[in-house]
């Protein structure tokens, strides 16, 4: 079964590295460069996993989470990502409605792919 992942991040390098690692492991990947586009794609595509950057133009990750409707939130797991690890961590991510938190830059892309695989199995 082909699982769908939406990557919402304004950094092209982050999107590209996640895309390559996930596609190598048979995930279908959709990308958005800002929160507004990410919100629209989330509603349209109903992905299994959403990588959501905290700080982006348009809408921030927390704003996207607050705007997504409950039925879509139940069908998608959310991984909040941020370089601002002092302010954001797993507890703050969960309080915003995310399922997991990963700091940038990524230490181990293969561990991220493993995490995603476990979250959708």
C-alpha atoms as a PDB file:
ATOM      1  CA  UNK A   1       0.000   0.000   0.000  1.00  0.00           C
ATOM      2  CA  UNK A   2       1.390   3.378  -1.033  1.00  0.00           C
ATOM      3  CA  UNK A   3       1.366   5.793   1.919  1.00  0.00           C
ATOM      4  CA  UNK A   4       1.120   9.522   1.308  1.00  0.00           C
ATOM      5  CA  UNK A   5       3.331  12.103   3.044  1.00  0.00           C
ATOM      6  CA  UNK A   6       2.897  15.878   2.894  1.00  0.00           C
ATOM      7  CA  UNK A   7       5.991  17.978   3.640  1.00  0.00           C
ATOM      8  CA  UNK A   8       5.179  21.596   4.528  1.00  0.00           C
ATOM      9  CA  UNK A   9       8.416  23.585   4.880  1.00  0.00           C
ATOM     10  CA  UNK A  10       9.742  26.799   3.342  1.00  0.00           C
ATOM     11  CA  UNK A  11      13.276  25.375   3.038  1.00  0.00           C
ATOM     12  CA  UNK A  12      13.783  23.569  -0.304  1.00  0.00           C
ATOM     13  CA  UNK A  13      16.727  21.555   1.090  1.00  0.00           C
ATOM     14  CA  UNK A  14      14.581  20.147   3.911  1.00  0.00           C
ATOM     15  CA  UNK A  15      11.800  19.177   1.493  1.00  0.00           C
ATOM     16  CA  UNK A  16      14.260  17.630  -0.971  1.00  0.00           C
ATOM     17  CA  UNK A  17      16.118  15.539   1.632  1.00  0.00           C
ATOM     18  CA  UNK A  18      12.885  14.222   3.178  1.00  0.00           C
ATOM     19  CA  UNK A  19      11.411  13.528  -0.280  1.00  0.00           C
ATOM     20  CA  UNK A  20      14.424  11.492  -1.411  1.00  0.00           C
ATOM     21  CA  UNK A  21      14.566   9.407   1.757  1.00  0.00           C
ATOM     22  CA  UNK A  22      10.804   8.765   1.839  1.00  0.00           C
ATOM     23  CA  UNK A  23      10.398   7.994  -1.876  1.00  0.00           C
ATOM     24  CA  UNK A  24      13.254   5.491  -1.635  1.00  0.00           C
ATOM     25  CA  UNK A  25      11.063   3.727   0.927  1.00  0.00           C
ATOM     26  CA  UNK A  26       7.926   3.669  -1.263  1.00  0.00           C
ATOM     27  CA  UNK A  27       6.146   6.713   0.150  1.00  0.00           C
ATOM     28  CA  UNK A  28       4.261   9.057  -2.148  1.00  0.00           C
ATOM     29  CA  UNK A  29       5.456  12.588  -1.322  1.00  0.00           C
ATOM     30  CA  UNK A  30       3.674  15.921  -1.799  1.00  0.00           C
ATOM     31  CA  UNK A  31       5.388  19.224  -1.014  1.00  0.00           C
ATOM     32  CA  UNK A  32       4.243  22.683   0.032  1.00  0.00           C
ATOM     33  CA  UNK A  33       6.523  25.701   0.438  1.00  0.00           C
ATOM     34  CA  UNK A  34       4.333  27.550   2.933  1.00  0.00           C
ATOM     35  CA  UNK A  35       1.565  27.031   5.449  1.00  0.00           C
ATOM     36  CA  UNK A  36      -1.294  28.295   3.252  1.00  0.00           C
ATOM     37  CA  UNK A  37      -0.437  25.910   0.393  1.00  0.00           C
ATOM     38  CA  UNK A  38       0.176  23.146   2.936  1.00  0.00           C
ATOM     39  CA  UNK A  39      -3.266  23.616   4.461  1.00  0.00           C
ATOM     40  CA  UNK A  40      -4.925  23.452   1.031  1.00  0.00           C
ATOM     41  CA  UNK A  41      -2.975  20.323   0.054  1.00  0.00           C
ATOM     42  CA  UNK A  42      -3.757  18.653   3.387  1.00  0.00           C
ATOM     43  CA  UNK A  43      -7.475  19.172   2.779  1.00  0.00           C
ATOM     44  CA  UNK A  44      -7.233  18.001  -0.847  1.00  0.00           C
ATOM     45  CA  UNK A  45      -4.863  15.026  -0.480  1.00  0.00           C
ATOM     46  CA  UNK A  46      -5.658  13.605   3.009  1.00  0.00           C
ATOM     47  CA  UNK A  47      -2.065  12.437   3.641  1.00  0.00           C
ATOM     48  CA  UNK A  48      -1.166   9.744   6.159  1.00  0.00           C
ATOM     49  CA  UNK A  49       1.708  11.825   7.577  1.00  0.00           C
ATOM     50  CA  UNK A  50       2.255  15.598   7.578  1.00  0.00           C
ATOM     51  CA  UNK A  51       5.671  17.134   8.258  1.00  0.00           C
ATOM     52  CA  UNK A  52       4.879  20.655   9.414  1.00  0.00           C
ATOM     53  CA  UNK A  53       7.520  23.334   9.937  1.00  0.00           C
ATOM     54  CA  UNK A  54       6.860  25.682  12.852  1.00  0.00           C
ATOM     55  CA  UNK A  55       7.951  28.981  11.275  1.00  0.00           C
ATOM     56  CA  UNK A  56       6.927  29.625   7.662  1.00  0.00           C
ATOM     57  CA  UNK A  57       5.493  32.411   5.540  1.00  0.00           C
ATOM     58  CA  UNK A  58       1.729  32.510   5.084  1.00  0.00           C
ATOM     59  CA  UNK A  59       0.645  30.365   8.005  1.00  0.00           C
ATOM     60  CA  UNK A  60       2.926  28.950  10.687  1.00  0.00           C
ATOM     61  CA  UNK A  61       2.775  25.254  11.561  1.00  0.00           C
ATOM     62  CA  UNK A  62       0.729  25.914  14.729  1.00  0.00           C
ATOM     63  CA  UNK A  63      -1.697  28.079  12.717  1.00  0.00           C
ATOM     64  CA  UNK A  64      -2.133  25.291  10.148  1.00  0.00           C
ATOM     65  CA  UNK A  65      -2.872  22.853  12.984  1.00  0.00           C
ATOM     66  CA  UNK A  66      -5.463  25.197  14.441  1.00  0.00           C
ATOM     67  CA  UNK A  67      -7.202  25.558  11.062  1.00  0.00           C
ATOM     68  CA  UNK A  68      -7.340  21.893  10.049  1.00  0.00           C
ATOM     69  CA  UNK A  69     -10.651  20.262  10.769  1.00  0.00           C
ATOM     70  CA  UNK A  70     -10.980  17.439  13.291  1.00  0.00           C
ATOM     71  CA  UNK A  71     -11.887  14.725  10.771  1.00  0.00           C
ATOM     72  CA  UNK A  72      -8.673  15.320   8.801  1.00  0.00           C
ATOM     73  CA  UNK A  73      -6.654  15.491  12.017  1.00  0.00           C
ATOM     74  CA  UNK A  74      -7.867  11.992  12.868  1.00  0.00           C
ATOM     75  CA  UNK A  75      -6.669  10.527   9.563  1.00  0.00           C
ATOM     76  CA  UNK A  76      -3.236  12.216   9.465  1.00  0.00           C
ATOM     77  CA  UNK A  77      -0.328  11.916  11.876  1.00  0.00           C
ATOM     78  CA  UNK A  78       1.586  15.177  12.305  1.00  0.00           C
ATOM     79  CA  UNK A  79       5.314  15.596  12.830  1.00  0.00           C
ATOM     80  CA  UNK A  80       6.186  19.157  13.824  1.00  0.00           C
ATOM     81  CA  UNK A  81       9.691  20.196  12.736  1.00  0.00           C
ATOM     82  CA  UNK A  82      11.681  23.215  13.865  1.00  0.00           C
ATOM     83  CA  UNK A  83      15.177  24.597  14.242  1.00  0.00           C
ATOM     84  CA  UNK A  84      13.945  26.448  17.344  1.00  0.00           C
ATOM     85  CA  UNK A  85      14.370  23.624  19.824  1.00  0.00           C
ATOM     86  CA  UNK A  86      14.493  25.885  22.865  1.00  0.00           C
ATOM     87  CA  UNK A  87      10.878  26.879  22.364  1.00  0.00           C
ATOM     88  CA  UNK A  88       9.560  23.692  20.760  1.00  0.00           C
ATOM     89  CA  UNK A  89       9.888  20.086  21.887  1.00  0.00           C
ATOM     90  CA  UNK A  90       7.744  16.955  22.000  1.00  0.00           C
ATOM     91  CA  UNK A  91       5.570  18.273  24.839  1.00  0.00           C
ATOM     92  CA  UNK A  92       4.885  21.630  23.176  1.00  0.00           C
ATOM     93  CA  UNK A  93       4.265  19.890  19.834  1.00  0.00           C
ATOM     94  CA  UNK A  94       1.710  17.565  21.435  1.00  0.00           C
ATOM     95  CA  UNK A  95       0.010  20.494  23.165  1.00  0.00           C
ATOM     96  CA  UNK A  96      -0.466  22.022  19.688  1.00  0.00           C
ATOM     97  CA  UNK A  97      -2.000  18.789  18.375  1.00  0.00           C
ATOM     98  CA  UNK A  98       1.044  17.207  16.723  1.00  0.00           C
ATOM     99  CA  UNK A  99       1.998  13.564  17.245  1.00  0.00           C
ATOM    100  CA  UNK A 100       5.764  13.976  17.212  1.00  0.00           C
ATOM    101  CA  UNK A 101       8.545  16.589  17.118  1.00  0.00           C
ATOM    102  CA  UNK A 102      11.837  16.516  15.208  1.00  0.00           C
ATOM    103  CA  UNK A 103      14.497  19.208  15.434  1.00  0.00           C
ATOM    104  CA  UNK A 104      16.290  20.590  12.393  1.00  0.00           C
ATOM    105  CA  UNK A 105      18.818  20.033  11.038  1.00  0.00           C
ATOM    106  CA  UNK A 106      18.018  16.331  10.966  1.00  0.00           C
ATOM    107  CA  UNK A 107      20.583  14.152  12.709  1.00  0.00           C
ATOM    108  CA  UNK A 108      19.562  10.862  11.068  1.00  0.00           C
ATOM    109  CA  UNK A 109      17.254  10.864   8.038  1.00  0.00           C
ATOM    110  CA  UNK A 110      16.999   7.066   8.186  1.00  0.00           C
ATOM    111  CA  UNK A 111      15.651   7.238  11.739  1.00  0.00           C
ATOM    112  CA  UNK A 112      12.996   9.659  10.460  1.00  0.00           C
ATOM    113  CA  UNK A 113      11.977   7.243   7.704  1.00  0.00           C
ATOM    114  CA  UNK A 114      11.780   4.448  10.296  1.00  0.00           C
ATOM    115  CA  UNK A 115       9.612   6.640  12.538  1.00  0.00           C
ATOM    116  CA  UNK A 116       7.263   7.461   9.643  1.00  0.00           C
ATOM    117  CA  UNK A 117       7.012   3.777   8.715  1.00  0.00           C
ATOM    118  CA  UNK A 118       6.108   2.887  12.301  1.00  0.00           C
ATOM    119  CA  UNK A 119       3.533   5.704  12.515  1.00  0.00           C
ATOM    120  CA  UNK A 120       1.633   4.453   9.463  1.00  0.00           C
ATOM    121  CA  UNK A 121       1.810   0.725  10.142  1.00  0.00           C
END
